[in-house]
C-alpha atoms as a PDB file:
ATOM      1  CA  MET A   1    -109.043  -6.438  52.077  1.00  0.00           C
ATOM      2  CA  SER A   2    -110.189  -3.585  50.048  1.00  0.00           C
ATOM      3  CA  VAL A   3    -111.572  -3.924  46.555  1.00  0.00           C
ATOM      4  CA  LEU A   4    -108.445  -2.248  45.137  1.00  0.00           C
ATOM      5  CA  ASN A   5    -106.135  -4.810  46.756  1.00  0.00           C
ATOM      6  CA  LYS A   6    -108.277  -7.698  45.493  1.00  0.00           C
ATOM      7  CA  ALA A   7    -108.275  -6.246  41.973  1.00  0.00           C
ATOM      8  CA  ALA A   8    -104.483  -5.809  42.021  1.00  0.00           C
ATOM      9  CA  ILE A   9    -103.971  -9.407  43.158  1.00  0.00           C
ATOM     10  CA  ALA A  10    -106.427 -10.696  40.568  1.00  0.00           C
ATOM     11  CA  LEU A  11    -104.585  -8.854  37.788  1.00  0.00           C
ATOM     12  CA  THR A  12    -101.038  -9.829  38.809  1.00  0.00           C
ATOM     13  CA  LEU A  13    -101.648 -13.455  39.794  1.00  0.00           C
ATOM     14  CA  PRO A  14    -101.797 -14.897  36.224  1.00  0.00           C
ATOM     15  CA  PHE A  15     -98.548 -13.139  35.280  1.00  0.00           C
ATOM     16  CA  THR A  16     -96.798 -14.358  38.414  1.00  0.00           C
ATOM     17  CA  ILE A  17     -97.799 -17.953  37.712  1.00  0.00           C
ATOM     18  CA  GLY A  18     -96.734 -17.623  34.056  1.00  0.00           C
ATOM     19  CA  VAL A  19     -93.287 -16.308  34.988  1.00  0.00           C
ATOM     20  CA  ALA A  20     -92.763 -19.121  37.488  1.00  0.00           C
ATOM     21  CA  GLN A  21     -93.679 -21.757  34.897  1.00  0.00           C
ATOM     22  CA  ALA A  22     -91.550 -20.181  32.166  1.00  0.00           C
ATOM     23  CA  ALA A  23     -88.392 -20.163  34.281  1.00  0.00           C
ATOM     24  CA  PRO A  24     -85.668 -22.353  32.739  1.00  0.00           C
ATOM     25  CA  ALA A  25     -84.667 -25.537  34.504  1.00  0.00           C
ATOM     26  CA  SER A  26     -81.563 -25.282  36.621  1.00  0.00           C
ATOM     27  CA  VAL A  27     -78.327 -26.875  35.446  1.00  0.00           C
ATOM     28  CA  ALA A  28     -78.639 -29.475  38.186  1.00  0.00           C
ATOM     29  CA  ASP A  29     -81.988 -30.607  36.767  1.00  0.00           C
ATOM     30  CA  GLN A  30     -80.540 -31.278  33.308  1.00  0.00           C
ATOM     31  CA  ALA A  31     -79.095 -34.744  32.740  1.00  0.00           C
ATOM     32  CA  PRO A  32     -75.749 -34.945  30.940  1.00  0.00           C
ATOM     33  CA  THR A  33     -75.980 -36.450  27.466  1.00  0.00           C
ATOM     34  CA  ASP A  34     -72.729 -38.446  27.609  1.00  0.00           C
ATOM     35  CA  THR A  35     -71.491 -39.781  30.937  1.00  0.00           C
ATOM     36  CA  SER A  36     -68.569 -41.861  29.665  1.00  0.00           C
ATOM     37  CA  ALA A  37     -65.150 -41.229  31.157  1.00  0.00           C
ATOM     38  CA  ALA A  38     -63.730 -40.330  27.739  1.00  0.00           C
ATOM     39  CA  ALA A  39     -66.332 -37.617  27.229  1.00  0.00           C
ATOM     40  CA  GLN A  40     -65.560 -36.100  30.622  1.00  0.00           C
ATOM     41  CA  SER A  41     -61.784 -36.048  30.105  1.00  0.00           C
ATOM     42  CA  ALA A  42     -59.818 -33.296  28.369  1.00  0.00           C
ATOM     43  CA  PRO A  43     -61.257 -32.010  25.094  1.00  0.00           C
ATOM     44  CA  ALA A  44     -60.085 -33.787  21.952  1.00  0.00           C
ATOM     45  CA  GLN A  45     -57.369 -32.200  19.876  1.00  0.00           C
ATOM     46  CA  PRO A  46     -58.598 -30.868  16.549  1.00  0.00           C
ATOM     47  CA  ALA A  47     -57.428 -32.554  13.367  1.00  0.00           C
ATOM     48  CA  PRO A  48     -54.333 -31.029  11.788  1.00  0.00           C
ATOM     49  CA  ALA A  49     -55.037 -28.191   9.390  1.00  0.00           C
ATOM     50  CA  THR A  50     -54.873 -29.285   5.783  1.00  0.00           C
ATOM     51  CA  ILE A  51     -53.247 -27.241   3.054  1.00  0.00           C
ATOM     52  CA  ASP A  52     -53.972 -27.508  -0.674  1.00  0.00           C
ATOM     53  CA  THR A  53     -50.775 -26.145  -2.227  1.00  0.00           C
ATOM     54  CA  ASN A  54     -51.542 -27.097  -5.834  1.00  0.00           C
ATOM     55  CA  ASN A  55     -55.270 -26.101  -5.790  1.00  0.00           C
ATOM     56  CA  ASP A  56     -56.548 -29.519  -6.883  1.00  0.00           C
ATOM     57  CA  GLY A  57     -59.180 -29.651  -4.110  1.00  0.00           C
ATOM     58  CA  LYS A  58     -57.328 -32.315  -2.093  1.00  0.00           C
ATOM     59  CA  ALA A  59     -55.048 -31.819   0.876  1.00  0.00           C
ATOM     60  CA  ASP A  60     -51.385 -32.268   0.073  1.00  0.00           C
ATOM     61  CA  ALA A  61     -49.823 -30.792   3.198  1.00  0.00           C
ATOM     62  CA  TRP A  62     -50.693 -30.773   6.892  1.00  0.00           C
ATOM     63  CA  ASP A  63     -49.889 -28.468   9.785  1.00  0.00           C
ATOM     64  CA  ARG A  64     -49.650 -31.035  12.579  1.00  0.00           C
ATOM     65  CA  ASP A  65     -48.445 -28.702  15.327  1.00  0.00           C
ATOM     66  CA  GLY A  66     -50.706 -25.734  14.541  1.00  0.00           C
ATOM     67  CA  ASN A  67     -47.947 -23.179  13.963  1.00  0.00           C
ATOM     68  CA  GLY A  68     -49.182 -22.192  10.493  1.00  0.00           C
ATOM     69  CA  ALA A  69     -46.432 -23.976   8.537  1.00  0.00           C
ATOM     70  CA  ALA A  70     -46.762 -27.343   6.806  1.00  0.00           C
ATOM     71  CA  ASP A  71     -44.859 -30.168   8.482  1.00  0.00           C
ATOM     72  CA  ALA A  72     -46.256 -33.205   6.629  1.00  0.00           C
ATOM     73  CA  TRP A  73     -46.604 -33.680   2.866  1.00  0.00           C
ATOM     74  CA  ASP A  74     -48.360 -36.083   0.490  1.00  0.00           C
ATOM     75  CA  LYS A  75     -45.757 -37.014  -2.121  1.00  0.00           C
ATOM     76  CA  ASN A  76     -47.668 -39.708  -4.066  1.00  0.00           C
ATOM     77  CA  ASN A  77     -51.190 -38.144  -4.169  1.00  0.00           C
ATOM     78  CA  ASP A  78     -52.809 -40.886  -2.096  1.00  0.00           C
ATOM     79  CA  GLY A  79     -54.376 -38.428   0.388  1.00  0.00           C
ATOM     80  CA  SER A  80     -52.169 -39.277   3.356  1.00  0.00           C
ATOM     81  CA  PRO A  81     -48.865 -37.750   4.459  1.00  0.00           C
ATOM     82  CA  ASP A  82     -45.703 -39.455   3.218  1.00  0.00           C
ATOM     83  CA  ALA A  83     -42.938 -37.011   4.216  1.00  0.00           C
ATOM     84  CA  PHE A  84     -42.631 -35.373   7.624  1.00  0.00           C
ATOM     85  CA  ASP A  85     -40.697 -32.503   9.186  1.00  0.00           C
ATOM     86  CA  ASP A  86     -39.914 -33.798  12.658  1.00  0.00           C
ATOM     87  CA  ASN A  87     -36.780 -31.694  13.176  1.00  0.00           C
ATOM     88  CA  GLY A  88     -38.581 -28.346  12.635  1.00  0.00           C
ATOM     89  CA  ASP A  89     -36.556 -26.988   9.703  1.00  0.00           C
ATOM     90  CA  GLY A  90     -39.614 -26.513   7.448  1.00  0.00           C
ATOM     91  CA  LYS A  91     -38.508 -29.149   4.914  1.00  0.00           C
ATOM     92  CA  PRO A  92     -39.264 -32.876   4.668  1.00  0.00           C
ATOM     93  CA  ASP A  93     -36.782 -34.950   6.661  1.00  0.00           C
ATOM     94  CA  PRO A  94     -34.629 -37.519   4.848  1.00  0.00           C
ATOM     95  CA  ALA A  95     -36.173 -40.978   4.625  1.00  0.00           C
ATOM     96  CA  LYS A  96     -35.419 -43.114   7.681  1.00  0.00           C
ATOM     97  CA  ARG A  97     -33.542 -46.321   6.952  1.00  0.00           C
END
């Protein structure tokens, strides 16, 4: 080998080793953090969107189906829905007897 070839190898060798060591681990090498069956099933549904209609800082209506309109209301200010719109007319349904 000529002196030029030896010099080129000597200069590039440290960089080649550094690149090989800095390479990220493959996906197969990474262990999953949660292996339970529930974690591997379908993603969880997000909580219904809350709506503060009277600006008191607490939710008083919920959009349970994600269509942008409230379909559950808190009538007694306890923080949970009391009236529901299950028939889709946009108003609380009559109390069930």
